[in-house]
C-alpha atoms as a PDB file:
ATOM      1  CA  MET A   1       0.088  -0.120   0.104  1.00  0.00           C
ATOM      2  CA  ILE A   2       1.230   3.472  -0.867  1.00  0.00           C
ATOM      3  CA  ASP A   3       0.091   6.671   0.908  1.00  0.00           C
ATOM      4  CA  THR A   4      -0.406   9.109  -1.790  1.00  0.00           C
ATOM      5  CA  ASN A   5      -2.531  11.892  -3.259  1.00  0.00           C
ATOM      6  CA  LEU A   6      -4.563  10.460  -6.127  1.00  0.00           C
ATOM      7  CA  PRO A   7      -5.888  13.357  -8.349  1.00  0.00           C
ATOM      8  CA  MET A   8      -9.108  13.012 -10.252  1.00  0.00           C
ATOM      9  CA  GLN A   9      -7.241  12.622 -13.577  1.00  0.00           C
ATOM     10  CA  GLU A  10      -5.689   9.233 -12.234  1.00  0.00           C
ATOM     11  CA  PHE A  11      -9.254   8.060 -10.912  1.00  0.00           C
ATOM     12  CA  THR A  12     -10.533   8.718 -14.513  1.00  0.00           C
ATOM     13  CA  LYS A  13      -7.684   6.647 -16.042  1.00  0.00           C
ATOM     14  CA  TYR A  14      -8.588   3.757 -13.985  1.00  0.00           C
ATOM     15  CA  PHE A  15     -12.135   4.260 -14.729  1.00  0.00           C
ATOM     16  CA  GLU A  16     -11.562   4.276 -18.458  1.00  0.00           C
ATOM     17  CA  ASN A  17      -9.487   1.233 -18.338  1.00  0.00           C
ATOM     18  CA  LYS A  18     -12.076  -0.598 -16.254  1.00  0.00           C
ATOM     19  CA  ARG A  19      -9.720  -1.040 -13.392  1.00  0.00           C
ATOM     20  CA  LEU A  20     -11.502   0.378 -10.439  1.00  0.00           C
ATOM     21  CA  GLY A  21     -11.811  -1.938  -7.567  1.00  0.00           C
ATOM     22  CA  LYS A  22     -13.101  -1.332  -3.977  1.00  0.00           C
ATOM     23  CA  LEU A  23     -12.504   1.249  -1.183  1.00  0.00           C
ATOM     24  CA  TYR A  24     -12.507  -0.267   2.257  1.00  0.00           C
ATOM     25  CA  PHE A  25     -13.459   1.568   5.300  1.00  0.00           C
ATOM     26  CA  PRO A  26     -12.322   1.029   8.980  1.00  0.00           C
ATOM     27  CA  ASN A  27     -15.757   0.693  10.463  1.00  0.00           C
ATOM     28  CA  GLY A  28     -18.425  -1.803   9.788  1.00  0.00           C
ATOM     29  CA  LYS A  29     -18.811  -4.910   7.703  1.00  0.00           C
ATOM     30  CA  CYS A  30     -20.683  -6.225   4.560  1.00  0.00           C
ATOM     31  CA  ILE A  31     -22.219  -9.548   4.903  1.00  0.00           C
ATOM     32  CA  THR A  32     -23.427 -11.971   2.276  1.00  0.00           C
ATOM     33  CA  LEU A  33     -24.625 -15.560   2.468  1.00  0.00           C
ATOM     34  CA  ASN A  34     -21.085 -16.641   1.896  1.00  0.00           C
ATOM     35  CA  GLU A  35     -18.562 -14.309   3.261  1.00  0.00           C
ATOM     36  CA  GLU A  36     -18.052 -11.226   5.588  1.00  0.00           C
ATOM     37  CA  THR A  37     -15.862  -8.416   4.466  1.00  0.00           C
ATOM     38  CA  PRO A  38     -14.763  -4.938   5.740  1.00  0.00           C
ATOM     39  CA  PHE A  39     -17.385  -2.299   4.918  1.00  0.00           C
ATOM     40  CA  HIS A  40     -16.613  -0.991   1.393  1.00  0.00           C
ATOM     41  CA  ILE A  41     -17.900   0.625  -1.666  1.00  0.00           C
ATOM     42  CA  GLU A  42     -17.229   0.009  -5.592  1.00  0.00           C
ATOM     43  CA  LEU A  43     -14.905   2.873  -6.699  1.00  0.00           C
ATOM     44  CA  SER A  44     -16.635   2.733 -10.118  1.00  0.00           C
ATOM     45  CA  ASP A  45     -20.044   3.541  -8.457  1.00  0.00           C
ATOM     46  CA  LEU A  46     -18.175   6.555  -6.607  1.00  0.00           C
ATOM     47  CA  TYR A  47     -16.866   7.721  -9.915  1.00  0.00           C
ATOM     48  CA  LYS A  48     -20.145   7.703 -11.645  1.00  0.00           C
ATOM     49  CA  LEU A  49     -21.744   9.587  -8.963  1.00  0.00           C
ATOM     50  CA  VAL A  50     -19.001  12.188  -8.526  1.00  0.00           C
ATOM     51  CA  THR A  51     -18.618  12.950 -12.164  1.00  0.00           C
ATOM     52  CA  GLY A  52     -21.904  11.949 -13.891  1.00  0.00           C
ATOM     53  CA  TRP A  53     -23.770  15.311 -13.522  1.00  0.00           C
ATOM     54  CA  LYS A  54     -24.126  18.635 -15.427  1.00  0.00           C
ATOM     55  CA  ILE A  55     -24.583  22.310 -14.632  1.00  0.00           C
ATOM     56  CA  ASN A  56     -26.570  24.113 -17.194  1.00  0.00           C
ATOM     57  CA  HIS A  57     -26.318  21.186 -19.597  1.00  0.00           C
ATOM     58  CA  THR A  58     -22.257  21.308 -19.151  1.00  0.00           C
ATOM     59  CA  GLU A  59     -20.383  18.529 -17.619  1.00  0.00           C
ATOM     60  CA  VAL A  60     -18.348  19.551 -14.644  1.00  0.00           C
ATOM     61  CA  PRO A  61     -14.609  19.718 -15.633  1.00  0.00           C
ATOM     62  CA  LEU A  62     -12.459  17.324 -13.543  1.00  0.00           C
ATOM     63  CA  ASP A  63     -10.049  20.256 -12.843  1.00  0.00           C
ATOM     64  CA  ASP A  64     -12.922  21.924 -10.977  1.00  0.00           C
ATOM     65  CA  ILE A  65     -13.114  19.231  -8.452  1.00  0.00           C
ATOM     66  CA  VAL A  66     -11.041  20.327  -5.631  1.00  0.00           C
ATOM     67  CA  GLY A  67     -11.505  17.478  -3.409  1.00  0.00           C
ATOM     68  CA  VAL A  68     -13.652  14.465  -2.633  1.00  0.00           C
ATOM     69  CA  ILE A  69     -13.691  13.920   1.102  1.00  0.00           C
ATOM     70  CA  THR A  70     -15.460  10.932   3.103  1.00  0.00           C
ATOM     71  CA  PHE A  71     -16.835  11.697   6.501  1.00  0.00           C
ATOM     72  CA  GLY A  72     -19.529  10.378   8.800  1.00  0.00           C
ATOM     73  CA  SER A  73     -19.875   7.127  10.604  1.00  0.00           C
ATOM     74  CA  ALA A  74     -17.735   4.939   8.064  1.00  0.00           C
ATOM     75  CA  VAL A  75     -14.579   6.765   9.129  1.00  0.00           C
ATOM     76  CA  ARG A  76     -15.495   8.417  12.547  1.00  0.00           C
ATOM     77  CA  ASN A  77     -13.307   7.290  15.581  1.00  0.00           C
ATOM     78  CA  PRO A  78     -15.242   4.857  17.711  1.00  0.00           C
ATOM     79  CA  GLU A  79     -16.471   6.017  21.068  1.00  0.00           C
ATOM     80  CA  GLU A  80     -14.449   4.654  23.868  1.00  0.00           C
ATOM     81  CA  VAL A  81     -15.954   3.547  27.330  1.00  0.00           C
ATOM     82  CA  SER A  82     -13.907   2.747  30.425  1.00  0.00           C
ATOM     83  CA  LYS A  83     -14.843   0.271  33.208  1.00  0.00           C
ATOM     84  CA  THR A  84     -12.837  -0.067  36.530  1.00  0.00           C
ATOM     85  CA  ARG A  85     -12.982  -2.981  38.784  1.00  0.00           C
ATOM     86  CA  LYS A  86     -10.814  -4.814  41.395  1.00  0.00           C
ATOM     87  CA  ARG A  87      -8.306  -7.243  39.963  1.00  0.00           C
ATOM     88  CA  TYR A  88      -9.971  -9.782  42.231  1.00  0.00           C
ATOM     89  CA  LEU A  89     -13.581  -9.930  43.307  1.00  0.00           C
ATOM     90  CA  PHE A  90     -13.294  -7.778  46.341  1.00  0.00           C
ATOM     91  CA  PHE A  91      -9.535  -6.832  46.771  1.00  0.00           C
ATOM     92  CA  GLY A  92      -6.387  -6.156  44.846  1.00  0.00           C
ATOM     93  CA  PRO A  93      -5.441  -2.991  42.722  1.00  0.00           C
ATOM     94  CA  GLU A  94      -7.982  -1.634  40.550  1.00  0.00           C
ATOM     95  CA  ILE A  95      -7.844  -2.383  36.825  1.00  0.00           C
ATOM     96  CA  THR A  96      -9.365  -0.066  34.267  1.00  0.00           C
ATOM     97  CA  LYS A  97     -10.229  -1.517  30.728  1.00  0.00           C
ATOM     98  CA  ILE A  98     -11.157   0.509  27.842  1.00  0.00           C
ATOM     99  CA  LYS A  99     -13.541  -0.855  25.242  1.00  0.00           C
ATOM    100  CA  GLN A 100     -14.391   0.655  21.825  1.00  0.00           C
ATOM    101  CA  ILE A 101     -18.082   0.585  20.730  1.00  0.00           C
ATOM    102  CA  PRO A 102     -18.207  -0.769  17.188  1.00  0.00           C
ATOM    103  CA  ILE A 103     -19.790   1.475  14.407  1.00  0.00           C
ATOM    104  CA  GLN A 104     -21.687  -0.129  11.679  1.00  0.00           C
ATOM    105  CA  PRO A 105     -22.738   2.373   8.914  1.00  0.00           C
ATOM    106  CA  ASN A 106     -25.200   1.763   6.271  1.00  0.00           C
ATOM    107  CA  ASN A 107     -23.849   4.565   3.892  1.00  0.00           C
ATOM    108  CA  ALA A 108     -20.508   5.935   2.920  1.00  0.00           C
ATOM    109  CA  ASP A 109     -20.807   9.775   3.065  1.00  0.00           C
ATOM    110  CA  PHE A 110     -18.724  12.124   0.612  1.00  0.00           C
ATOM    111  CA  LEU A 111     -18.480  15.733   0.338  1.00  0.00           C
ATOM    112  CA  VAL A 112     -17.365  16.898  -3.232  1.00  0.00           C
ATOM    113  CA  ILE A 113     -15.817  20.415  -3.360  1.00  0.00           C
ATOM    114  CA  THR A 114     -15.950  22.235  -6.632  1.00  0.00           C
ATOM    115  CA  GLY A 115     -14.271  25.369  -7.628  1.00  0.00           C
ATOM    116  CA  ASN A 116     -15.532  28.697  -9.288  1.00  0.00           C
ATOM    117  CA  ILE A 117     -15.893  27.232 -12.766  1.00  0.00           C
ATOM    118  CA  THR A 118     -18.917  25.197 -11.714  1.00  0.00           C
ATOM    119  CA  GLY A 119     -20.453  27.778  -9.587  1.00  0.00           C
ATOM    120  CA  LYS A 120     -20.290  29.394  -6.233  1.00  0.00           C
ATOM    121  CA  ASN A 121     -23.807  28.544  -5.077  1.00  0.00           C
ATOM    122  CA  LEU A 122     -24.259  24.845  -5.797  1.00  0.00           C
ATOM    123  CA  ILE A 123     -26.000  22.484  -3.554  1.00  0.00           C
ATOM    124  CA  ARG A 124     -26.342  18.862  -5.025  1.00  0.00           C
ATOM    125  CA  GLU A 125     -27.078  15.762  -3.180  1.00  0.00           C
ATOM    126  CA  GLU A 126     -27.287  12.088  -4.580  1.00  0.00           C
ATOM    127  CA  ILE A 127     -27.940   8.908  -2.704  1.00  0.00           C
ATOM    128  CA  ARG A 128     -27.544   5.237  -3.761  1.00  0.00           C
ATOM    129  CA  GLU A 129     -29.407   3.335  -1.101  1.00  0.00           C
ATOM    130  CA  PRO A 130     -27.818   0.430   0.664  1.00  0.00           C
ATOM    131  CA  ILE A 131     -28.941  -3.142   0.114  1.00  0.00           C
ATOM    132  CA  PHE A 132     -29.662  -5.310   3.240  1.00  0.00           C
ATOM    133  CA  ILE A 133     -29.682  -9.034   3.559  1.00  0.00           C
ATOM    134  CA  GLU A 134     -31.872 -10.942   6.237  1.00  0.00           C
ATOM    135  CA  LEU A 135     -29.933 -13.743   7.897  1.00  0.00           C
ATOM    136  CA  TYR A 136     -31.193 -16.287  10.436  1.00  0.00           C
ATOM    137  CA  ASP A 137     -28.545 -17.996  12.715  1.00  0.00           C
ATOM    138  CA  GLY A 138     -31.036 -20.670  14.189  1.00  0.00           C
ATOM    139  CA  TYR A 139     -32.090 -18.454  17.044  1.00  0.00           C
ATOM    140  CA  THR A 140     -32.623 -15.011  15.840  1.00  0.00           C
ATOM    141  CA  SER A 141     -32.912 -12.980  12.540  1.00  0.00           C
ATOM    142  CA  GLY A 142     -31.579  -9.756  11.556  1.00  0.00           C
ATOM    143  CA  ASN A 143     -30.937  -7.384   8.594  1.00  0.00           C
ATOM    144  CA  TYR A 144     -27.446  -6.791   7.798  1.00  0.00           C
ATOM    145  CA  VAL A 145     -25.567  -4.412   5.013  1.00  0.00           C
ATOM    146  CA  LYS A 146     -25.011  -6.555   1.937  1.00  0.00           C
ATOM    147  CA  GLU A 147     -24.071  -3.582  -0.440  1.00  0.00           C
ATOM    148  CA  SER A 148     -23.177  -0.267   1.191  1.00  0.00           C
ATOM    149  CA  GLY A 149     -24.960   2.757  -0.050  1.00  0.00           C
ATOM    150  CA  ILE A 150     -23.335   6.028  -1.120  1.00  0.00           C
ATOM    151  CA  HIS A 151     -24.181   9.595  -0.191  1.00  0.00           C
ATOM    152  CA  ILE A 152     -22.932  12.413  -2.048  1.00  0.00           C
ATOM    153  CA  VAL A 153     -23.108  16.126  -0.939  1.00  0.00           C
ATOM    154  CA  ASN A 154     -21.749  18.918  -3.169  1.00  0.00           C
ATOM    155  CA  ARG A 155     -20.556  22.449  -2.054  1.00  0.00           C
ATOM    156  CA  GLY A 156     -18.566  25.257  -3.804  1.00  0.00           C
ATOM    157  CA  ILE A 157     -15.324  26.525  -2.268  1.00  0.00           C
ATOM    158  CA  GLU A 158     -17.024  29.752  -0.830  1.00  0.00           C
ATOM    159  CA  GLN A 159     -19.932  27.592   0.420  1.00  0.00           C
ATOM    160  CA  VAL A 160     -17.648  25.580   2.508  1.00  0.00           C
ATOM    161  CA  ILE A 161     -15.493  28.430   3.786  1.00  0.00           C
ATOM    162  CA  ASN A 162     -18.594  30.428   4.680  1.00  0.00           C
ATOM    163  CA  GLY A 163     -20.528  27.469   5.714  1.00  0.00           C
ATOM    164  CA  VAL A 164     -18.406  26.460   8.632  1.00  0.00           C
ATOM    165  CA  ASN A 165     -19.435  29.779  10.394  1.00  0.00           C
ATOM    166  CA  ALA A 166     -23.114  29.584   9.156  1.00  0.00           C
ATOM    167  CA  ASN A 167     -24.213  26.261  10.752  1.00  0.00           C
ATOM    168  CA  ASP A 168     -23.522  24.206   7.723  1.00  0.00           C
ATOM    169  CA  ALA A 169     -23.056  20.793   9.710  1.00  0.00           C
ATOM    170  CA  VAL A 170     -21.875  18.882   6.406  1.00  0.00           C
ATOM    171  CA  SER A 171     -19.062  21.452   5.585  1.00  0.00           C
ATOM    172  CA  ALA A 172     -17.785  21.613   9.154  1.00  0.00           C
ATOM    173  CA  LEU A 173     -18.096  17.993   9.836  1.00  0.00           C
ATOM    174  CA  ALA A 174     -16.053  17.007   6.702  1.00  0.00           C
ATOM    175  CA  MET A 175     -13.376  19.522   7.292  1.00  0.00           C
ATOM    176  CA  ARG A 176     -13.102  18.405  11.023  1.00  0.00           C
ATOM    177  CA  GLU A 177     -13.503  14.741  10.662  1.00  0.00           C
ATOM    178  CA  GLY A 178     -13.177  13.752   7.050  1.00  0.00           C
ATOM    179  CA  VAL A 179     -10.575  11.856   5.163  1.00  0.00           C
ATOM    180  CA  PRO A 180      -9.704  13.295   1.683  1.00  0.00           C
ATOM    181  CA  ILE A 181      -9.851  10.532  -0.972  1.00  0.00           C
ATOM    182  CA  PHE A 182      -9.141  12.517  -4.179  1.00  0.00           C
ATOM    183  CA  TYR A 183      -7.880  16.111  -4.056  1.00  0.00           C
ATOM    184  CA  ASN A 184      -5.721  18.688  -5.621  1.00  0.00           C
ATOM    185  CA  GLY A 185      -3.351  21.522  -4.288  1.00  0.00           C
ATOM    186  CA  ARG A 186      -6.300  23.753  -3.620  1.00  0.00           C
ATOM    187  CA  LEU A 187      -7.943  21.758  -0.922  1.00  0.00           C
ATOM    188  CA  ALA A 188      -5.147  22.568   1.599  1.00  0.00           C
ATOM    189  CA  ASP A 189      -6.061  26.295   1.011  1.00  0.00           C
ATOM    190  CA  VAL A 190      -9.561  25.742   1.500  1.00  0.00           C
ATOM    191  CA  GLN A 191      -8.963  23.871   4.759  1.00  0.00           C
ATOM    192  CA  SER A 192      -6.814  26.741   6.019  1.00  0.00           C
ATOM    193  CA  GLN A 193      -9.360  29.280   5.138  1.00  0.00           C
ATOM    194  CA  THR A 194     -12.049  27.584   7.209  1.00  0.00           C
ATOM    195  CA  GLY A 195      -9.998  27.761  10.287  1.00  0.00           C
ATOM    196  CA  ILE A 196     -10.793  24.125  11.130  1.00  0.00           C
ATOM    197  CA  VAL A 197      -8.034  21.823  12.210  1.00  0.00           C
ATOM    198  CA  ARG A 198      -8.605  18.173  10.835  1.00  0.00           C
ATOM    199  CA  GLU A 199      -8.941  16.083  13.962  1.00  0.00           C
ATOM    200  CA  ASN A 200      -9.288  12.814  12.069  1.00  0.00           C
ATOM    201  CA  LYS A 201      -5.751  11.179  11.760  1.00  0.00           C
ATOM    202  CA  ARG A 202      -6.997   8.377   9.321  1.00  0.00           C
ATOM    203  CA  LYS A 203      -5.319   8.197   6.006  1.00  0.00           C
ATOM    204  CA  ILE A 204      -5.880   6.420   2.723  1.00  0.00           C
ATOM    205  CA  SER A 205      -3.617   3.974   1.004  1.00  0.00           C
ATOM    206  CA  TRP A 206      -3.892   3.024  -2.553  1.00  0.00           C
ATOM    207  CA  ASP A 207      -2.615  -0.036  -4.283  1.00  0.00           C
ATOM    208  CA  GLU A 208      -3.349  -2.404  -7.237  1.00  0.00           C
ATOM    209  CA  ASN A 209      -4.590  -5.855  -6.397  1.00  0.00           C
ATOM    210  CA  LYS A 210      -3.221  -9.002  -8.129  1.00  0.00           C
ATOM    211  CA  GLN A 211      -5.660  -8.396 -11.066  1.00  0.00           C
ATOM    212  CA  GLY A 212      -4.473  -4.811 -11.501  1.00  0.00           C
ATOM    213  CA  TYR A 213      -7.457  -3.166  -9.948  1.00  0.00           C
ATOM    214  CA  LEU A 214      -7.247   0.116  -8.032  1.00  0.00           C
ATOM    215  CA  THR A 215      -7.928  -0.559  -4.316  1.00  0.00           C
ATOM    216  CA  GLY A 216      -8.170   1.970  -1.439  1.00  0.00           C
ATOM    217  CA  LYS A 217      -7.988   1.368   2.256  1.00  0.00           C
ATOM    218  CA  ILE A 218      -8.637   3.738   5.065  1.00  0.00           C
ATOM    219  CA  GLU A 219      -6.986   3.069   8.399  1.00  0.00           C
END
């Protein structure tokens, strides 16, 4: 795995060559009848949602996509709870154990930031609903995520910068807790102008699997 910035142009090359694989997230699982895998999405689905739209009948230029940031439950740091007890039943030194509460998302959330070519006041939202599977273990049944959903929200640069001070929860959350997936040099400037320091230390690593498909993993 290589920690690197992958611009939209490289993303496009993999798409055109039909070599987009999966993007894996640190939280949650996808479950089918035959296997259980880390929560993930198909990169080809993400690419189509990010690029497959028009403004005034004109396709959005790839150069105008400043960044694609994933945020929300799929990359949020799990909440930790602590419990203190005696080493033995009634005596001995106290022992504190810290346990993380697992997070199971249904969707992967993304903020797409566009520049001035597309427009300063643009709000767009697209959702691909998750697919669930009902499984029965002999005692109880439950619905589990089979295919994760994808939730795309769009903001212009000025909307993001102004929005963090105007109760735009999406912009503020993405800037504070998000993980950049694809971006160019302008994203760092946008982050600086918001005045928000990114708190999420997670990073994405890119690699090609044995079949040559681009694969991403957030850790």
